[in-house]
């Protein structure tokens, strides 16, 4: 093999290593951004669950002194955020029944 071919191969290898290193840096940046977004989402979910529990307490569904159930329900809301809407919005048929009585 001649020297020119060896130098060209080494140059291509260095360029490939440089590109791979740049991609690794880009990956770390994206992973950090994702972690930031996930942290923000977790804080938002926690705030929503807390507000929902406070709403249930203010409506009398949970007693203000019943801290155990407040924590239990908050944990359920965090595990399944879809429950928040179900637990905090009165169904239409309950409103109708109240008016009919």
PDB file of N, CA and C in Angstrom:
ATOM      1  N   UNK A   1       0.846  -1.172   0.000  1.00  0.00           N
ATOM      2  CA  UNK A   1       0.000   0.000   0.000  1.00  0.00           C
ATOM      3  C   UNK A   1       0.894   1.238   0.000  1.00  0.00           C
ATOM      4  N   UNK A   2       0.498   2.239  -0.763  1.00  0.00           N
ATOM      5  CA  UNK A   2       1.367   3.405  -0.820  1.00  0.00           C
ATOM      6  C   UNK A   2       1.035   4.392   0.296  1.00  0.00           C
ATOM      7  N   UNK A   3       1.903   5.329   0.508  1.00  0.00           N
ATOM      8  CA  UNK A   3       1.793   6.291   1.595  1.00  0.00           C
ATOM      9  C   UNK A   3       0.567   7.175   1.430  1.00  0.00           C
ATOM     10  N   UNK A   4       0.253   7.562   0.217  1.00  0.00           N
ATOM     11  CA  UNK A   4      -0.894   8.428  -0.040  1.00  0.00           C
ATOM     12  C   UNK A   4      -2.191   7.736   0.371  1.00  0.00           C
ATOM     13  N   UNK A   5      -2.333   6.496   0.062  1.00  0.00           N
ATOM     14  CA  UNK A   5      -3.538   5.750   0.417  1.00  0.00           C
ATOM     15  C   UNK A   5      -3.658   5.605   1.938  1.00  0.00           C
ATOM     16  N   UNK A   6      -2.515   5.370   2.582  1.00  0.00           N
ATOM     17  CA  UNK A   6      -2.522   5.242   4.045  1.00  0.00           C
ATOM     18  C   UNK A   6      -2.936   6.568   4.691  1.00  0.00           C
ATOM     19  N   UNK A   7      -2.369   7.671   4.203  1.00  0.00           N
ATOM     20  CA  UNK A   7      -2.710   8.990   4.748  1.00  0.00           C
ATOM     21  C   UNK A   7      -4.183   9.318   4.521  1.00  0.00           C
ATOM     22  N   UNK A   8      -4.707   8.973   3.361  1.00  0.00           N
ATOM     23  CA  UNK A   8      -6.124   9.224   3.065  1.00  0.00           C
ATOM     24  C   UNK A   8      -7.010   8.394   3.996  1.00  0.00           C
ATOM     25  N   UNK A   9      -6.652   7.151   4.225  1.00  0.00           N
ATOM     26  CA  UNK A   9      -7.429   6.284   5.111  1.00  0.00           C
ATOM     27  C   UNK A   9      -7.396   6.809   6.548  1.00  0.00           C
ATOM     28  N   UNK A  10      -6.218   7.255   6.989  1.00  0.00           N
ATOM     29  CA  UNK A  10      -6.099   7.811   8.337  1.00  0.00           C
ATOM     30  C   UNK A  10      -6.929   9.090   8.468  1.00  0.00           C
ATOM     31  N   UNK A  11      -6.934   9.898   7.420  1.00  0.00           N
ATOM     32  CA  UNK A  11      -7.720  11.132   7.428  1.00  0.00           C
ATOM     33  C   UNK A  11      -9.216  10.823   7.524  1.00  0.00           C
ATOM     34  N   UNK A  12      -9.666   9.843   6.753  1.00  0.00           N
ATOM     35  CA  UNK A  12     -11.078   9.453   6.821  1.00  0.00           C
ATOM     36  C   UNK A  12     -11.432   8.903   8.204  1.00  0.00           C
ATOM     37  N   UNK A  13     -10.529   8.152   8.784  1.00  0.00           N
ATOM     38  CA  UNK A  13     -10.770   7.600  10.117  1.00  0.00           C
ATOM     39  C   UNK A  13     -10.860   8.718  11.158  1.00  0.00           C
ATOM     40  N   UNK A  14      -9.998   9.707  11.062  1.00  0.00           N
ATOM     41  CA  UNK A  14     -10.044  10.840  11.983  1.00  0.00           C
ATOM     42  C   UNK A  14     -11.341  11.629  11.821  1.00  0.00           C
ATOM     43  N   UNK A  15     -11.768  11.815  10.579  1.00  0.00           N
ATOM     44  CA  UNK A  15     -13.012  12.534  10.339  1.00  0.00           C
ATOM     45  C   UNK A  15     -14.206  11.762  10.906  1.00  0.00           C
ATOM     46  N   UNK A  16     -14.178  10.465  10.746  1.00  0.00           N
ATOM     47  CA  UNK A  16     -15.265   9.629  11.278  1.00  0.00           C
ATOM     48  C   UNK A  16     -15.283   9.698  12.801  1.00  0.00           C
ATOM     49  N   UNK A  17     -14.116   9.660  13.432  1.00  0.00           N
ATOM     50  CA  UNK A  17     -14.041   9.764  14.888  1.00  0.00           C
ATOM     51  C   UNK A  17     -14.541  11.129  15.359  1.00  0.00           C
ATOM     52  N   UNK A  18     -14.196  12.181  14.630  1.00  0.00           N
ATOM     53  CA  UNK A  18     -14.637  13.528  14.984  1.00  0.00           C
ATOM     54  C   UNK A  18     -16.165  13.625  14.874  1.00  0.00           C
ATOM     55  N   UNK A  19     -16.721  13.081  13.798  1.00  0.00           N
ATOM     56  CA  UNK A  19     -18.178  13.108  13.633  1.00  0.00           C
ATOM     57  C   UNK A  19     -18.865  12.304  14.742  1.00  0.00           C
ATOM     58  N   UNK A  20     -18.287  11.169  15.073  1.00  0.00           N
ATOM     59  CA  UNK A  20     -18.873  10.347  16.143  1.00  0.00           C
ATOM     60  C   UNK A  20     -18.838  11.101  17.475  1.00  0.00           C
ATOM     61  N   UNK A  21     -17.740  11.790  17.754  1.00  0.00           N
ATOM     62  CA  UNK A  21     -17.622  12.563  18.983  1.00  0.00           C
ATOM     63  C   UNK A  21     -18.634  13.711  18.992  1.00  0.00           C
ATOM     64  N   UNK A  22     -18.805  14.374  17.865  1.00  0.00           N
ATOM     65  CA  UNK A  22     -19.792  15.455  17.765  1.00  0.00           C
ATOM     66  C   UNK A  22     -21.196  14.924  18.004  1.00  0.00           C
ATOM     67  N   UNK A  23     -21.509  13.758  17.486  1.00  0.00           N
ATOM     68  CA  UNK A  23     -22.829  13.150  17.685  1.00  0.00           C
ATOM     69  C   UNK A  23     -23.041  12.788  19.154  1.00  0.00           C
ATOM     70  N   UNK A  24     -21.971  12.344  19.818  1.00  0.00           N
ATOM     71  CA  UNK A  24     -22.078  12.024  21.242  1.00  0.00           C
ATOM     72  C   UNK A  24     -22.391  13.288  22.046  1.00  0.00           C
ATOM     73  N   UNK A  25     -21.750  14.396  21.693  1.00  0.00           N
ATOM     74  CA  UNK A  25     -22.019  15.667  22.367  1.00  0.00           C
ATOM     75  C   UNK A  25     -23.465  16.090  22.126  1.00  0.00           C
ATOM     76  N   UNK A  26     -23.928  15.982  20.883  1.00  0.00           N
ATOM     77  CA  UNK A  26     -25.311  16.327  20.562  1.00  0.00           C
ATOM     78  C   UNK A  26     -26.285  15.452  21.348  1.00  0.00           C
ATOM     79  N   UNK A  27     -25.968  14.172  21.490  1.00  0.00           N
ATOM     80  CA  UNK A  27     -26.823  13.257  22.243  1.00  0.00           C
ATOM     81  C   UNK A  27     -26.920  13.678  23.707  1.00  0.00           C
ATOM     82  N   UNK A  28     -25.805  14.046  24.307  1.00  0.00           N
ATOM     83  CA  UNK A  28     -25.813  14.486  25.707  1.00  0.00           C
ATOM     84  C   UNK A  28     -26.660  15.747  25.859  1.00  0.00           C
ATOM     85  N   UNK A  29     -26.537  16.680  24.920  1.00  0.00           N
ATOM     86  CA  UNK A  29     -27.335  17.912  24.975  1.00  0.00           C
ATOM     87  C   UNK A  29     -28.822  17.589  24.887  1.00  0.00           C
ATOM     88  N   UNK A  30     -29.201  16.710  23.978  1.00  0.00           N
ATOM     89  CA  UNK A  30     -30.611  16.332  23.829  1.00  0.00           C
ATOM     90  C   UNK A  30     -31.106  15.608  25.076  1.00  0.00           C
ATOM     91  N   UNK A  31     -30.290  14.739  25.651  1.00  0.00           N
ATOM     92  CA  UNK A  31     -30.688  14.025  26.863  1.00  0.00           C
ATOM     93  C   UNK A  31     -30.914  14.991  28.017  1.00  0.00           C
ATOM     94  N   UNK A  32     -30.056  16.008  28.128  1.00  0.00           N
ATOM     95  CA  UNK A  32     -30.236  17.011  29.194  1.00  0.00           C
ATOM     96  C   UNK A  32     -31.507  17.819  28.975  1.00  0.00           C
ATOM     97  N   UNK A  33     -31.780  18.185  27.735  1.00  0.00           N
ATOM     98  CA  UNK A  33     -33.013  18.925  27.443  1.00  0.00           C
ATOM     99  C   UNK A  33     -34.228  18.074  27.779  1.00  0.00           C
ATOM    100  N   UNK A  34     -34.173  16.802  27.422  1.00  0.00           N
ATOM    101  CA  UNK A  34     -35.275  15.891  27.730  1.00  0.00           C
ATOM    102  C   UNK A  34     -35.473  15.774  29.237  1.00  0.00           C
ATOM    103  N   UNK A  35     -34.391  15.667  29.972  1.00  0.00           N
ATOM    104  CA  UNK A  35     -34.493  15.590  31.430  1.00  0.00           C
ATOM    105  C   UNK A  35     -35.129  16.859  31.990  1.00  0.00           C
ATOM    106  N   UNK A  36     -34.781  18.015  31.436  1.00  0.00           N
ATOM    107  CA  UNK A  36     -35.388  19.278  31.881  1.00  0.00           C
ATOM    108  C   UNK A  36     -36.885  19.288  31.603  1.00  0.00           C
ATOM    109  N   UNK A  37     -37.264  18.858  30.413  1.00  0.00           N
ATOM    110  CA  UNK A  37     -38.684  18.821  30.049  1.00  0.00           C
ATOM    111  C   UNK A  37     -39.436  17.844  30.951  1.00  0.00           C
ATOM    112  N   UNK A  38     -38.847  16.693  31.219  1.00  0.00           N
ATOM    113  CA  UNK A  38     -39.496  15.708  32.087  1.00  0.00           C
ATOM    114  C   UNK A  38     -39.642  16.240  33.507  1.00  0.00           C
ATOM    115  N   UNK A  39     -38.645  16.988  33.989  1.00  0.00           N
ATOM    116  CA  UNK A  39     -38.730  17.568  35.332  1.00  0.00           C
ATOM    117  C   UNK A  39     -39.848  18.607  35.399  1.00  0.00           C
ATOM    118  N   UNK A  40     -39.973  19.428  34.365  1.00  0.00           N
ATOM    119  CA  UNK A  40     -41.037  20.424  34.319  1.00  0.00           C
ATOM    120  C   UNK A  40     -42.395  19.738  34.294  1.00  0.00           C
ATOM    121  N   UNK A  41     -42.516  18.687  33.494  1.00  0.00           N
ATOM    122  CA  UNK A  41     -43.782  17.951  33.404  1.00  0.00           C
ATOM    123  C   UNK A  41     -44.131  17.304  34.748  1.00  0.00           C
ATOM    124  N   UNK A  42     -43.137  16.769  35.442  1.00  0.00           N
ATOM    125  CA  UNK A  42     -43.384  16.142  36.744  1.00  0.00           C
ATOM    126  C   UNK A  42     -43.863  17.185  37.756  1.00  0.00           C
ATOM    127  N   UNK A  43     -43.252  18.371  37.744  1.00  0.00           N
ATOM    128  CA  UNK A  43     -43.689  19.440  38.649  1.00  0.00           C
ATOM    129  C   UNK A  43     -45.121  19.866  38.326  1.00  0.00           C
ATOM    130  N   UNK A  44     -45.445  19.946  37.033  1.00  0.00           N
ATOM    131  CA  UNK A  44     -46.789  20.331  36.628  1.00  0.00           C
ATOM    132  C   UNK A  44     -47.807  19.284  37.074  1.00  0.00           C
ATOM    133  N   UNK A  45     -47.470  17.994  36.882  1.00  0.00           N
ATOM    134  CA  UNK A  45     -48.379  16.922  37.313  1.00  0.00           C
ATOM    135  C   UNK A  45     -48.590  16.960  38.829  1.00  0.00           C
ATOM    136  N   UNK A  46     -47.513  17.225  39.574  1.00  0.00           N
ATOM    137  CA  UNK A  46     -47.616  17.296  41.024  1.00  0.00           C
ATOM    138  C   UNK A  46     -48.519  18.461  41.435  1.00  0.00           C
ATOM    139  N   UNK A  47     -48.341  19.604  40.783  1.00  0.00           N
ATOM    140  CA  UNK A  47     -49.178  20.772  41.094  1.00  0.00           C
ATOM    141  C   UNK A  47     -50.638  20.501  40.755  1.00  0.00           C
ATOM    142  N   UNK A  48     -50.892  19.855  39.625  1.00  0.00           N
ATOM    143  CA  UNK A  48     -52.266  19.533  39.238  1.00  0.00           C
ATOM    144  C   UNK A  48     -52.901  18.561  40.235  1.00  0.00           C
ATOM    145  N   UNK A  49     -52.138  17.565  40.660  1.00  0.00           N
ATOM    146  CA  UNK A  49     -52.663  16.594  41.623  1.00  0.00           C
ATOM    147  C   UNK A  49     -52.953  17.276  42.961  1.00  0.00           C
ATOM    148  N   UNK A  50     -52.069  18.165  43.377  1.00  0.00           N
ATOM    149  CA  UNK A  50     -52.278  18.899  44.626  1.00  0.00           C
ATOM    150  C   UNK A  50     -53.526  19.760  44.541  1.00  0.00           C
ATOM    151  N   UNK A  51     -53.690  20.470  43.443  1.00  0.00           N
ATOM    152  CA  UNK A  51     -54.888  21.312  43.249  1.00  0.00           C
ATOM    153  C   UNK A  51     -56.156  20.466  43.244  1.00  0.00           C
ATOM    154  N   UNK A  52     -56.107  19.312  42.622  1.00  0.00           N
ATOM    155  CA  UNK A  52     -57.286  18.446  42.567  1.00  0.00           C
ATOM    156  C   UNK A  52     -57.660  17.960  43.963  1.00  0.00           C
ATOM    157  N   UNK A  53     -56.661  17.600  44.760  1.00  0.00           N
ATOM    158  CA  UNK A  53     -56.945  17.153  46.125  1.00  0.00           C
ATOM    159  C   UNK A  53     -57.531  18.315  46.932  1.00  0.00           C
ATOM    160  N   UNK A  54     -56.948  19.493  46.774  1.00  0.00           N
ATOM    161  CA  UNK A  54     -57.495  20.670  47.479  1.00  0.00           C
ATOM    162  C   UNK A  54     -58.943  20.928  47.064  1.00  0.00           C
ATOM    163  N   UNK A  55     -59.223  20.745  45.797  1.00  0.00           N
ATOM    164  CA  UNK A  55     -60.591  20.930  45.310  1.00  0.00           C
ATOM    165  C   UNK A  55     -61.531  19.920  45.979  1.00  0.00           C
ATOM    166  N   UNK A  56     -61.098  18.673  46.053  1.00  0.00           N
ATOM    167  CA  UNK A  56     -61.933  17.655  46.690  1.00  0.00           C
ATOM    168  C   UNK A  56     -62.143  17.954  48.166  1.00  0.00           C
ATOM    169  N   UNK A  57     -61.135  18.499  48.823  1.00  0.00           N
ATOM    170  CA  UNK A  57     -61.283  18.889  50.229  1.00  0.00           C
ATOM    171  C   UNK A  57     -62.268  20.046  50.347  1.00  0.00           C
ATOM    172  N   UNK A  58     -62.123  21.042  49.472  1.00  0.00           N
ATOM    173  CA  UNK A  58     -63.009  22.206  49.546  1.00  0.00           C
ATOM    174  C   UNK A  58     -64.461  21.844  49.235  1.00  0.00           C
ATOM    175  N   UNK A  59     -64.678  20.823  48.431  1.00  0.00           N
ATOM    176  CA  UNK A  59     -66.040  20.370  48.107  1.00  0.00           C
ATOM    177  C   UNK A  59     -66.600  19.429  49.165  1.00  0.00           C
ATOM    178  N   UNK A  60     -65.775  19.031  50.117  1.00  0.00           N
ATOM    179  CA  UNK A  60     -66.231  18.136  51.169  1.00  0.00           C
ATOM    180  C   UNK A  60     -66.150  16.665  50.820  1.00  0.00           C
ATOM    181  N   UNK A  61     -65.556  16.334  49.692  1.00  0.00           N
ATOM    182  CA  UNK A  61     -65.419  14.928  49.301  1.00  0.00           C
ATOM    183  C   UNK A  61     -64.414  14.231  50.220  1.00  0.00           C
ATOM    184  N   UNK A  62     -63.373  14.964  50.589  1.00  0.00           N
ATOM    185  CA  UNK A  62     -62.371  14.455  51.534  1.00  0.00           C
ATOM    186  C   UNK A  62     -62.348  15.423  52.709  1.00  0.00           C
ATOM    187  N   UNK A  63     -62.276  14.891  53.902  1.00  0.00           N
ATOM    188  CA  UNK A  63     -62.193  15.759  55.075  1.00  0.00           C
ATOM    189  C   UNK A  63     -60.810  16.412  55.127  1.00  0.00           C
ATOM    190  N   UNK A  64     -60.791  17.658  55.568  1.00  0.00           N
ATOM    191  CA  UNK A  64     -59.508  18.362  55.641  1.00  0.00           C
ATOM    192  C   UNK A  64     -58.573  17.714  56.662  1.00  0.00           C
ATOM    193  N   UNK A  65     -59.126  17.027  57.629  1.00  0.00           N
ATOM    194  CA  UNK A  65     -58.304  16.355  58.644  1.00  0.00           C
ATOM    195  C   UNK A  65     -57.816  14.976  58.191  1.00  0.00           C
ATOM    196  N   UNK A  66     -58.331  14.477  57.091  1.00  0.00           N
ATOM    197  CA  UNK A  66     -57.989  13.131  56.611  1.00  0.00           C
ATOM    198  C   UNK A  66     -56.766  13.191  55.691  1.00  0.00           C
ATOM    199  N   UNK A  67     -55.616  13.396  56.293  1.00  0.00           N
ATOM    200  CA  UNK A  67     -54.378  13.540  55.518  1.00  0.00           C
ATOM    201  C   UNK A  67     -53.985  12.241  54.817  1.00  0.00           C
ATOM    202  N   UNK A  68     -54.305  11.111  55.437  1.00  0.00           N
ATOM    203  CA  UNK A  68     -53.963   9.831  54.823  1.00  0.00           C
ATOM    204  C   UNK A  68     -54.620   9.699  53.452  1.00  0.00           C
ATOM    205  N   UNK A  69     -55.929   9.925  53.397  1.00  0.00           N
ATOM    206  CA  UNK A  69     -56.631   9.799  52.116  1.00  0.00           C
ATOM    207  C   UNK A  69     -56.235  10.893  51.135  1.00  0.00           C
ATOM    208  N   UNK A  70     -55.906  12.069  51.631  1.00  0.00           N
ATOM    209  CA  UNK A  70     -55.428  13.117  50.741  1.00  0.00           C
ATOM    210  C   UNK A  70     -54.147  12.670  50.029  1.00  0.00           C
ATOM    211  N   UNK A  71     -53.226  12.098  50.790  1.00  0.00           N
ATOM    212  CA  UNK A  71     -51.977  11.607  50.191  1.00  0.00           C
ATOM    213  C   UNK A  71     -52.232  10.409  49.277  1.00  0.00           C
ATOM    214  N   UNK A  72     -53.119   9.539  49.691  1.00  0.00           N
ATOM    215  CA  UNK A  72     -53.447   8.365  48.889  1.00  0.00           C
ATOM    216  C   UNK A  72     -54.056   8.773  47.546  1.00  0.00           C
ATOM    217  N   UNK A  73     -54.995   9.696  47.577  1.00  0.00           N
ATOM    218  CA  UNK A  73     -55.640  10.134  46.337  1.00  0.00           C
ATOM    219  C   UNK A  73     -54.665  10.902  45.462  1.00  0.00           C
ATOM    220  N   UNK A  74     -53.810  11.708  46.077  1.00  0.00           N
ATOM    221  CA  UNK A  74     -52.801  12.418  45.291  1.00  0.00           C
ATOM    222  C   UNK A  74     -51.889  11.418  44.574  1.00  0.00           C
ATOM    223  N   UNK A  75     -51.500  10.362  45.270  1.00  0.00           N
ATOM    224  CA  UNK A  75     -50.656   9.328  44.643  1.00  0.00           C
ATOM    225  C   UNK A  75     -51.383   8.677  43.472  1.00  0.00           C
ATOM    226  N   UNK A  76     -52.674   8.454  43.624  1.00  0.00           N
ATOM    227  CA  UNK A  76     -53.455   7.873  42.527  1.00  0.00           C
ATOM    228  C   UNK A  76     -53.529   8.847  41.351  1.00  0.00           C
ATOM    229  N   UNK A  77     -53.695  10.129  41.632  1.00  0.00           N
ATOM    230  CA  UNK A  77     -53.723  11.136  40.568  1.00  0.00           C
ATOM    231  C   UNK A  77     -52.378  11.196  39.840  1.00  0.00           C
ATOM    232  N   UNK A  78     -51.294  11.072  40.592  1.00  0.00           N
ATOM    233  CA  UNK A  78     -49.969  11.092  39.960  1.00  0.00           C
ATOM    234  C   UNK A  78     -49.749   9.847  39.103  1.00  0.00           C
ATOM    235  N   UNK A  79     -50.270   8.724  39.562  1.00  0.00           N
ATOM    236  CA  UNK A  79     -50.125   7.482  38.801  1.00  0.00           C
ATOM    237  C   UNK A  79     -50.982   7.497  37.542  1.00  0.00           C
ATOM    238  N   UNK A  80     -52.150   8.128  37.625  1.00  0.00           N
ATOM    239  CA  UNK A  80     -53.067   8.197  36.476  1.00  0.00           C
ATOM    240  C   UNK A  80     -53.701   9.580  36.434  1.00  0.00           C
ATOM    241  N   UNK A  81     -53.050  10.546  35.779  1.00  0.00           N
ATOM    242  CA  UNK A  81     -53.561  11.920  35.745  1.00  0.00           C
ATOM    243  C   UNK A  81     -54.957  12.045  35.137  1.00  0.00           C
ATOM    244  N   UNK A  82     -55.385  11.086  34.372  1.00  0.00           N
ATOM    245  CA  UNK A  82     -56.727  11.119  33.805  1.00  0.00           C
ATOM    246  C   UNK A  82     -57.812  11.073  34.873  1.00  0.00           C
ATOM    247  N   UNK A  83     -57.479  10.565  36.040  1.00  0.00           N
ATOM    248  CA  UNK A  83     -58.452  10.503  37.130  1.00  0.00           C
ATOM    249  C   UNK A  83     -58.800  11.889  37.668  1.00  0.00           C
ATOM    250  N   UNK A  84     -57.902  12.855  37.483  1.00  0.00           N
ATOM    251  CA  UNK A  84     -58.142  14.200  38.017  1.00  0.00           C
ATOM    252  C   UNK A  84     -59.431  14.767  37.440  1.00  0.00           C
ATOM    253  N   UNK A  85     -59.567  14.695  36.157  1.00  0.00           N
ATOM    254  CA  UNK A  85     -60.764  15.230  35.516  1.00  0.00           C
ATOM    255  C   UNK A  85     -62.006  14.477  35.973  1.00  0.00           C
ATOM    256  N   UNK A  86     -61.916  13.173  36.061  1.00  0.00           N
ATOM    257  CA  UNK A  86     -63.059  12.378  36.490  1.00  0.00           C
ATOM    258  C   UNK A  86     -63.473  12.697  37.925  1.00  0.00           C
ATOM    259  N   UNK A  87     -62.493  12.972  38.768  1.00  0.00           N
ATOM    260  CA  UNK A  87     -62.785  13.191  40.183  1.00  0.00           C
ATOM    261  C   UNK A  87     -63.232  14.608  40.488  1.00  0.00           C
ATOM    262  N   UNK A  88     -62.869  15.559  39.656  1.00  0.00           N
ATOM    263  CA  UNK A  88     -63.141  16.958  39.994  1.00  0.00           C
ATOM    264  C   UNK A  88     -64.300  17.573  39.225  1.00  0.00           C
ATOM    265  N   UNK A  89     -64.821  16.904  38.213  1.00  0.00           N
ATOM    266  CA  UNK A  89     -65.934  17.437  37.437  1.00  0.00           C
ATOM    267  C   UNK A  89     -67.178  16.630  37.753  1.00  0.00           C
ATOM    268  N   UNK A  90     -68.237  17.337  38.129  1.00  0.00           N
ATOM    269  CA  UNK A  90     -69.484  16.626  38.418  1.00  0.00           C
ATOM    270  C   UNK A  90     -70.099  16.147  37.116  1.00  0.00           C
ATOM    271  N   UNK A  91     -70.555  14.918  37.101  1.00  0.00           N
ATOM    272  CA  UNK A  91     -71.236  14.432  35.895  1.00  0.00           C
ATOM    273  C   UNK A  91     -72.532  15.203  35.655  1.00  0.00           C
ATOM    274  N   UNK A  92     -72.910  15.319  34.418  1.00  0.00           N
ATOM    275  CA  UNK A  92     -74.117  16.061  34.030  1.00  0.00           C
ATOM    276  C   UNK A  92     -75.355  15.482  34.695  1.00  0.00           C
ATOM    277  N   UNK A  93     -75.446  14.165  34.780  1.00  0.00           N
ATOM    278  CA  UNK A  93     -76.664  13.547  35.310  1.00  0.00           C
ATOM    279  C   UNK A  93     -76.859  13.845  36.799  1.00  0.00           C
ATOM    280  N   UNK A  94     -75.807  14.087  37.539  1.00  0.00           N
ATOM    281  CA  UNK A  94     -75.968  14.453  38.944  1.00  0.00           C
ATOM    282  C   UNK A  94     -76.571  15.850  39.060  1.00  0.00           C
ATOM    283  N   UNK A  95     -76.197  16.751  38.165  1.00  0.00           N
ATOM    284  CA  UNK A  95     -76.753  18.106  38.177  1.00  0.00           C
ATOM    285  C   UNK A  95     -78.244  18.043  37.870  1.00  0.00           C
ATOM    286  N   UNK A  96     -78.608  17.212  36.902  1.00  0.00           N
ATOM    287  CA  UNK A  96     -80.021  17.096  36.519  1.00  0.00           C
ATOM    288  C   UNK A  96     -80.822  16.550  37.674  1.00  0.00           C
ATOM    289  N   UNK A  97     -80.352  15.544  38.361  1.00  0.00           N
ATOM    290  CA  UNK A  97     -81.075  14.942  39.478  1.00  0.00           C
ATOM    291  C   UNK A  97     -81.295  15.935  40.597  1.00  0.00           C
ATOM    292  N   UNK A  98     -80.320  16.799  40.860  1.00  0.00           N
ATOM    293  CA  UNK A  98     -80.487  17.792  41.911  1.00  0.00           C
ATOM    294  C   UNK A  98     -81.616  18.751  41.570  1.00  0.00           C
ATOM    295  N   UNK A  99     -81.699  19.151  40.316  1.00  0.00           N
ATOM    296  CA  UNK A  99     -82.722  20.097  39.906  1.00  0.00           C
ATOM    297  C   UNK A  99     -84.116  19.465  39.879  1.00  0.00           C
ATOM    298  N   UNK A 100     -84.155  18.156  39.662  1.00  0.00           N
ATOM    299  CA  UNK A 100     -85.448  17.468  39.601  1.00  0.00           C
ATOM    300  C   UNK A 100     -86.037  17.245  40.982  1.00  0.00           C
ATOM    301  N   UNK A 101     -85.197  17.195  42.003  1.00  0.00           N
ATOM    302  CA  UNK A 101     -85.671  16.901  43.361  1.00  0.00           C
ATOM    303  C   UNK A 101     -86.506  18.017  43.933  1.00  0.00           C
TER     304      UNK A 101
END
